[in-house]
Amino acid sequence: MRVPLTPHQMKQLAPYFDLVRAAAVRGNPGMLVAQISWNREGSYWLTPAFLDHELAKTITERARDPIGDEQK
């Protein structure tokens, strides 16, 4: 599944995108991830983080998208 970002969201995430690109240039490609949170009032938000290559690789190998797989 893909959830398109708005221009405002892309601007807010720009420092993280820069971090991913810089890490790749240094030969340590990583992964930009985000935790999705919400509250009782109905607000949702993402908390972004950068994972180094080895941790990202482990998570990618173990993780699967059961909802996305069912929609294929």
PDB file of N, CA and C in Angstrom:
ATOM      1  N   MET A   1       0.839  -1.159   0.000  1.00  0.00           N
ATOM      2  CA  MET A   1       0.000   0.000   0.000  1.00  0.00           C
ATOM      3  C   MET A   1       0.894   1.235   0.000  1.00  0.00           C
ATOM      4  N   ARG A   2       0.487   2.245  -0.705  1.00  0.00           N
ATOM      5  CA  ARG A   2       1.187   3.534  -0.722  1.00  0.00           C
ATOM      6  C   ARG A   2       0.232   4.613  -0.258  1.00  0.00           C
ATOM      7  N   VAL A   3       0.724   5.471   0.605  1.00  0.00           N
ATOM      8  CA  VAL A   3      -0.042   6.619   1.083  1.00  0.00           C
ATOM      9  C   VAL A   3       0.721   7.858   0.637  1.00  0.00           C
ATOM     10  N   PRO A   4       0.227   8.572  -0.371  1.00  0.00           N
ATOM     11  CA  PRO A   4       0.945   9.743  -0.877  1.00  0.00           C
ATOM     12  C   PRO A   4       1.099  10.821   0.196  1.00  0.00           C
ATOM     13  N   LEU A   5       2.247  11.473   0.178  1.00  0.00           N
ATOM     14  CA  LEU A   5       2.516  12.571   1.100  1.00  0.00           C
ATOM     15  C   LEU A   5       2.101  13.889   0.477  1.00  0.00           C
ATOM     16  N   THR A   6       1.642  14.786   1.305  1.00  0.00           N
ATOM     17  CA  THR A   6       1.326  16.131   0.830  1.00  0.00           C
ATOM     18  C   THR A   6       2.632  16.922   0.724  1.00  0.00           C
ATOM     19  N   PRO A   7       2.632  18.026  -0.012  1.00  0.00           N
ATOM     20  CA  PRO A   7       3.835  18.864  -0.064  1.00  0.00           C
ATOM     21  C   PRO A   7       4.300  19.305   1.329  1.00  0.00           C
ATOM     22  N   HIS A   8       3.369  19.615   2.219  1.00  0.00           N
ATOM     23  CA  HIS A   8       3.731  20.026   3.583  1.00  0.00           C
ATOM     24  C   HIS A   8       4.425  18.882   4.327  1.00  0.00           C
ATOM     25  N   GLN A   9       3.912  17.669   4.191  1.00  0.00           N
ATOM     26  CA  GLN A   9       4.537  16.514   4.839  1.00  0.00           C
ATOM     27  C   GLN A   9       5.931  16.254   4.274  1.00  0.00           C
ATOM     28  N   MET A  10       6.082  16.404   2.964  1.00  0.00           N
ATOM     29  CA  MET A  10       7.390  16.198   2.347  1.00  0.00           C
ATOM     30  C   MET A  10       8.387  17.219   2.875  1.00  0.00           C
ATOM     31  N   LYS A  11       7.940  18.458   3.068  1.00  0.00           N
ATOM     32  CA  LYS A  11       8.818  19.491   3.608  1.00  0.00           C
ATOM     33  C   LYS A  11       9.228  19.154   5.043  1.00  0.00           C
ATOM     34  N   GLN A  12       8.280  18.671   5.830  1.00  0.00           N
ATOM     35  CA  GLN A  12       8.591  18.300   7.208  1.00  0.00           C
ATOM     36  C   GLN A  12       9.569  17.121   7.275  1.00  0.00           C
ATOM     37  N   LEU A  13       9.485  16.216   6.335  1.00  0.00           N
ATOM     38  CA  LEU A  13      10.339  15.024   6.322  1.00  0.00           C
ATOM     39  C   LEU A  13      11.665  15.244   5.597  1.00  0.00           C
ATOM     40  N   ALA A  14      11.845  16.389   4.971  1.00  0.00           N
ATOM     41  CA  ALA A  14      13.051  16.648   4.176  1.00  0.00           C
ATOM     42  C   ALA A  14      14.352  16.370   4.926  1.00  0.00           C
ATOM     43  N   PRO A  15      14.495  16.761   6.190  1.00  0.00           N
ATOM     44  CA  PRO A  15      15.753  16.452   6.890  1.00  0.00           C
ATOM     45  C   PRO A  15      16.010  14.943   7.001  1.00  0.00           C
ATOM     46  N   TYR A  16      14.958  14.169   7.125  1.00  0.00           N
ATOM     47  CA  TYR A  16      15.115  12.716   7.191  1.00  0.00           C
ATOM     48  C   TYR A  16      15.505  12.148   5.828  1.00  0.00           C
ATOM     49  N   PHE A  17      14.902  12.674   4.765  1.00  0.00           N
ATOM     50  CA  PHE A  17      15.283  12.243   3.418  1.00  0.00           C
ATOM     51  C   PHE A  17      16.757  12.559   3.179  1.00  0.00           C
ATOM     52  N   ASP A  18      17.198  13.740   3.626  1.00  0.00           N
ATOM     53  CA  ASP A  18      18.607  14.129   3.476  1.00  0.00           C
ATOM     54  C   ASP A  18      19.521  13.169   4.242  1.00  0.00           C
ATOM     55  N   LEU A  19      19.107  12.756   5.422  1.00  0.00           N
ATOM     56  CA  LEU A  19      19.884  11.813   6.223  1.00  0.00           C
ATOM     57  C   LEU A  19      20.027  10.467   5.508  1.00  0.00           C
ATOM     58  N   VAL A  20      18.954   9.991   4.916  1.00  0.00           N
ATOM     59  CA  VAL A  20      18.997   8.723   4.173  1.00  0.00           C
ATOM     60  C   VAL A  20      19.955   8.843   2.994  1.00  0.00           C
ATOM     61  N   ARG A  21      19.853   9.929   2.249  1.00  0.00           N
ATOM     62  CA  ARG A  21      20.741  10.125   1.098  1.00  0.00           C
ATOM     63  C   ARG A  21      22.206  10.225   1.533  1.00  0.00           C
ATOM     64  N   ALA A  22      22.473  10.968   2.604  1.00  0.00           N
ATOM     65  CA  ALA A  22      23.850  11.124   3.088  1.00  0.00           C
ATOM     66  C   ALA A  22      24.416   9.795   3.569  1.00  0.00           C
ATOM     67  N   ALA A  23      23.609   9.001   4.239  1.00  0.00           N
ATOM     68  CA  ALA A  23      24.068   7.693   4.707  1.00  0.00           C
ATOM     69  C   ALA A  23      24.388   6.785   3.524  1.00  0.00           C
ATOM     70  N   ALA A  24      23.592   6.839   2.483  1.00  0.00           N
ATOM     71  CA  ALA A  24      23.840   6.015   1.295  1.00  0.00           C
ATOM     72  C   ALA A  24      25.148   6.420   0.622  1.00  0.00           C
ATOM     73  N   VAL A  25      25.424   7.719   0.549  1.00  0.00           N
ATOM     74  CA  VAL A  25      26.664   8.209  -0.043  1.00  0.00           C
ATOM     75  C   VAL A  25      27.868   7.704   0.748  1.00  0.00           C
ATOM     76  N   ARG A  26      27.730   7.618   2.066  1.00  0.00           N
ATOM     77  CA  ARG A  26      28.804   7.115   2.919  1.00  0.00           C
ATOM     78  C   ARG A  26      28.927   5.589   2.865  1.00  0.00           C
ATOM     79  N   GLY A  27      28.055   4.938   2.097  1.00  0.00           N
ATOM     80  CA  GLY A  27      28.111   3.485   1.971  1.00  0.00           C
ATOM     81  C   GLY A  27      27.358   2.749   3.058  1.00  0.00           C
ATOM     82  N   ASN A  28      26.534   3.445   3.809  1.00  0.00           N
ATOM     83  CA  ASN A  28      25.743   2.820   4.864  1.00  0.00           C
ATOM     84  C   ASN A  28      24.268   3.133   4.637  1.00  0.00           C
ATOM     85  N   PRO A  29      23.701   2.567   3.565  1.00  0.00           N
ATOM     86  CA  PRO A  29      22.293   2.868   3.290  1.00  0.00           C
ATOM     87  C   PRO A  29      21.417   2.386   4.438  1.00  0.00           C
ATOM     88  N   GLY A  30      20.457   3.145   4.764  1.00  0.00           N
ATOM     89  CA  GLY A  30      19.560   2.778   5.848  1.00  0.00           C
ATOM     90  C   GLY A  30      18.121   2.855   5.389  1.00  0.00           C
ATOM     91  N   MET A  31      17.251   3.029   6.343  1.00  0.00           N
ATOM     92  CA  MET A  31      15.828   3.038   6.042  1.00  0.00           C
ATOM     93  C   MET A  31      15.150   4.113   6.877  1.00  0.00           C
ATOM     94  N   LEU A  32      14.291   4.869   6.247  1.00  0.00           N
ATOM     95  CA  LEU A  32      13.461   5.828   6.952  1.00  0.00           C
ATOM     96  C   LEU A  32      12.185   5.102   7.348  1.00  0.00           C
ATOM     97  N   VAL A  33      11.848   5.112   8.625  1.00  0.00           N
ATOM     98  CA  VAL A  33      10.651   4.436   9.126  1.00  0.00           C
ATOM     99  C   VAL A  33       9.828   5.438   9.916  1.00  0.00           C
ATOM    100  N   ALA A  34       8.581   5.077  10.186  1.00  0.00           N
ATOM    101  CA  ALA A  34       7.735   5.941  10.995  1.00  0.00           C
ATOM    102  C   ALA A  34       6.775   5.103  11.825  1.00  0.00           C
ATOM    103  N   GLN A  35       6.629   5.511  13.061  1.00  0.00           N
ATOM    104  CA  GLN A  35       5.640   4.906  13.938  1.00  0.00           C
ATOM    105  C   GLN A  35       4.357   5.705  13.776  1.00  0.00           C
ATOM    106  N   ILE A  36       3.246   5.018  13.589  1.00  0.00           N
ATOM    107  CA  ILE A  36       1.952   5.675  13.461  1.00  0.00           C
ATOM    108  C   ILE A  36       1.276   5.649  14.830  1.00  0.00           C
ATOM    109  N   SER A  37       0.833   6.823  15.277  1.00  0.00           N
ATOM    110  CA  SER A  37       0.171   6.927  16.575  1.00  0.00           C
ATOM    111  C   SER A  37      -1.153   7.653  16.401  1.00  0.00           C
ATOM    112  N   TRP A  38      -1.996   7.539  17.405  1.00  0.00           N
ATOM    113  CA  TRP A  38      -3.277   8.239  17.385  1.00  0.00           C
ATOM    114  C   TRP A  38      -3.759   8.438  18.811  1.00  0.00           C
ATOM    115  N   ASN A  39      -4.765   9.294  18.937  1.00  0.00           N
ATOM    116  CA  ASN A  39      -5.346   9.536  20.255  1.00  0.00           C
ATOM    117  C   ASN A  39      -6.858   9.386  20.192  1.00  0.00           C
ATOM    118  N   ARG A  40      -7.493   9.527  21.310  1.00  0.00           N
ATOM    119  CA  ARG A  40      -8.950   9.350  21.408  1.00  0.00           C
ATOM    120  C   ARG A  40      -9.730  10.423  20.669  1.00  0.00           C
ATOM    121  N   GLU A  41      -9.081  11.565  20.446  1.00  0.00           N
ATOM    122  CA  GLU A  41      -9.766  12.661  19.743  1.00  0.00           C
ATOM    123  C   GLU A  41      -9.788  12.457  18.230  1.00  0.00           C
ATOM    124  N   GLY A  42      -9.147  11.415  17.751  1.00  0.00           N
ATOM    125  CA  GLY A  42      -9.153  11.128  16.326  1.00  0.00           C
ATOM    126  C   GLY A  42      -7.994  11.711  15.552  1.00  0.00           C
ATOM    127  N   SER A  43      -6.971  12.221  16.247  1.00  0.00           N
ATOM    128  CA  SER A  43      -5.777  12.724  15.567  1.00  0.00           C
ATOM    129  C   SER A  43      -4.802  11.574  15.334  1.00  0.00           C
ATOM    130  N   TYR A  44      -4.169  11.593  14.179  1.00  0.00           N
ATOM    131  CA  TYR A  44      -3.156  10.603  13.820  1.00  0.00           C
ATOM    132  C   TYR A  44      -1.874  11.341  13.480  1.00  0.00           C
ATOM    133  N   TRP A  45      -0.718  10.726  13.781  1.00  0.00           N
ATOM    134  CA  TRP A  45       0.552  11.337  13.416  1.00  0.00           C
ATOM    135  C   TRP A  45       1.620  10.272  13.246  1.00  0.00           C
ATOM    136  N   LEU A  46       2.672  10.660  12.551  1.00  0.00           N
ATOM    137  CA  LEU A  46       3.830   9.793  12.326  1.00  0.00           C
ATOM    138  C   LEU A  46       5.011  10.339  13.109  1.00  0.00           C
ATOM    139  N   THR A  47       5.804   9.442  13.682  1.00  0.00           N
ATOM    140  CA  THR A  47       7.048   9.822  14.318  1.00  0.00           C
ATOM    141  C   THR A  47       8.171   9.157  13.533  1.00  0.00           C
ATOM    142  N   PRO A  48       8.908   9.928  12.712  1.00  0.00           N
ATOM    143  CA  PRO A  48       9.927   9.337  11.851  1.00  0.00           C
ATOM    144  C   PRO A  48      11.220   9.016  12.598  1.00  0.00           C
ATOM    145  N   ALA A  49      11.962   8.068  12.029  1.00  0.00           N
ATOM    146  CA  ALA A  49      13.276   7.697  12.557  1.00  0.00           C
ATOM    147  C   ALA A  49      14.092   7.099  11.419  1.00  0.00           C
ATOM    148  N   PHE A  50      15.405   7.127  11.586  1.00  0.00           N
ATOM    149  CA  PHE A  50      16.310   6.541  10.604  1.00  0.00           C
ATOM    150  C   PHE A  50      16.951   5.303  11.224  1.00  0.00           C
ATOM    151  N   LEU A  51      16.929   4.199  10.506  1.00  0.00           N
ATOM    152  CA  LEU A  51      17.565   2.961  10.957  1.00  0.00           C
ATOM    153  C   LEU A  51      18.807   2.707  10.122  1.00  0.00           C
ATOM    154  N   ASP A  52      19.889   2.274  10.775  1.00  0.00           N
ATOM    155  CA  ASP A  52      21.091   1.965  10.011  1.00  0.00           C
ATOM    156  C   ASP A  52      20.868   0.700   9.167  1.00  0.00           C
ATOM    157  N   HIS A  53      21.794   0.436   8.282  1.00  0.00           N
ATOM    158  CA  HIS A  53      21.643  -0.616   7.282  1.00  0.00           C
ATOM    159  C   HIS A  53      21.355  -1.986   7.887  1.00  0.00           C
ATOM    160  N   GLU A  54      22.129  -2.392   8.866  1.00  0.00           N
ATOM    161  CA  GLU A  54      21.968  -3.746   9.411  1.00  0.00           C
ATOM    162  C   GLU A  54      20.617  -3.929  10.098  1.00  0.00           C
ATOM    163  N   LEU A  55      20.193  -2.954  10.872  1.00  0.00           N
ATOM    164  CA  LEU A  55      18.894  -3.052  11.533  1.00  0.00           C
ATOM    165  C   LEU A  55      17.768  -3.022  10.504  1.00  0.00           C
ATOM    166  N   ALA A  56      17.893  -2.145   9.518  1.00  0.00           N
ATOM    167  CA  ALA A  56      16.882  -2.065   8.462  1.00  0.00           C
ATOM    168  C   ALA A  56      16.793  -3.383   7.708  1.00  0.00           C
ATOM    169  N   LYS A  57      17.942  -3.996   7.425  1.00  0.00           N
ATOM    170  CA  LYS A  57      17.969  -5.274   6.709  1.00  0.00           C
ATOM    171  C   LYS A  57      17.264  -6.360   7.522  1.00  0.00           C
ATOM    172  N   THR A  58      17.537  -6.420   8.814  1.00  0.00           N
ATOM    173  CA  THR A  58      16.897  -7.414   9.681  1.00  0.00           C
ATOM    174  C   THR A  58      15.387  -7.226   9.703  1.00  0.00           C
ATOM    175  N   ILE A  59      14.955  -5.992   9.870  1.00  0.00           N
ATOM    176  CA  ILE A  59      13.515  -5.713   9.913  1.00  0.00           C
ATOM    177  C   ILE A  59      12.865  -6.049   8.581  1.00  0.00           C
ATOM    178  N   THR A  60      13.500  -5.675   7.482  1.00  0.00           N
ATOM    179  CA  THR A  60      12.946  -5.941   6.158  1.00  0.00           C
ATOM    180  C   THR A  60      12.809  -7.434   5.915  1.00  0.00           C
ATOM    181  N   GLU A  61      13.799  -8.203   6.336  1.00  0.00           N
ATOM    182  CA  GLU A  61      13.750  -9.648   6.133  1.00  0.00           C
ATOM    183  C   GLU A  61      12.669 -10.312   6.970  1.00  0.00           C
ATOM    184  N   ARG A  62      12.399  -9.770   8.139  1.00  0.00           N
ATOM    185  CA  ARG A  62      11.415 -10.373   9.046  1.00  0.00           C
ATOM    186  C   ARG A  62       9.997  -9.858   8.833  1.00  0.00           C
ATOM    187  N   ALA A  63       9.895  -8.634   8.405  1.00  0.00           N
ATOM    188  CA  ALA A  63       8.577  -7.996   8.323  1.00  0.00           C
ATOM    189  C   ALA A  63       7.877  -8.324   7.015  1.00  0.00           C
ATOM    190  N   ARG A  64       6.603  -8.483   7.125  1.00  0.00           N
ATOM    191  CA  ARG A  64       5.750  -8.671   5.957  1.00  0.00           C
ATOM    192  C   ARG A  64       4.504  -7.833   6.176  1.00  0.00           C
ATOM    193  N   ASP A  65       3.854  -7.446   5.091  1.00  0.00           N
ATOM    194  CA  ASP A  65       2.649  -6.630   5.169  1.00  0.00           C
ATOM    195  C   ASP A  65       1.450  -7.541   4.941  1.00  0.00           C
ATOM    196  N   PRO A  66       0.842  -8.095   6.017  1.00  0.00           N
ATOM    197  CA  PRO A  66      -0.264  -9.019   5.816  1.00  0.00           C
ATOM    198  C   PRO A  66      -1.484  -8.370   5.181  1.00  0.00           C
ATOM    199  N   ILE A  67      -1.714  -7.102   5.457  1.00  0.00           N
ATOM    200  CA  ILE A  67      -2.865  -6.432   4.845  1.00  0.00           C
ATOM    201  C   ILE A  67      -2.593  -6.203   3.363  1.00  0.00           C
ATOM    202  N   GLY A  68      -1.420  -5.679   3.034  1.00  0.00           N
ATOM    203  CA  GLY A  68      -1.061  -5.433   1.635  1.00  0.00           C
ATOM    204  C   GLY A  68      -0.996  -6.718   0.833  1.00  0.00           C
ATOM    205  N   ASP A  69      -0.505  -7.802   1.446  1.00  0.00           N
ATOM    206  CA  ASP A  69      -0.415  -9.087   0.746  1.00  0.00           C
ATOM    207  C   ASP A  69      -1.807  -9.613   0.400  1.00  0.00           C
ATOM    208  N   GLU A  70      -2.780  -9.387   1.282  1.00  0.00           N
ATOM    209  CA  GLU A  70      -4.139  -9.862   1.037  1.00  0.00           C
ATOM    210  C   GLU A  70      -4.824  -9.083  -0.083  1.00  0.00           C
ATOM    211  N   GLN A  71      -4.383  -7.853  -0.308  1.00  0.00           N
ATOM    212  CA  GLN A  71      -5.021  -7.007  -1.320  1.00  0.00           C
ATOM    213  C   GLN A  71      -4.473  -7.238  -2.716  1.00  0.00           C
ATOM    214  N   LYS A  72      -3.429  -8.043  -2.850  1.00  0.00           N
ATOM    215  CA  LYS A  72      -2.824  -8.262  -4.161  1.00  0.00           C
ATOM    216  C   LYS A  72      -3.659  -9.180  -5.016  1.00  0.00           C
TER     217      LYS A  72
END
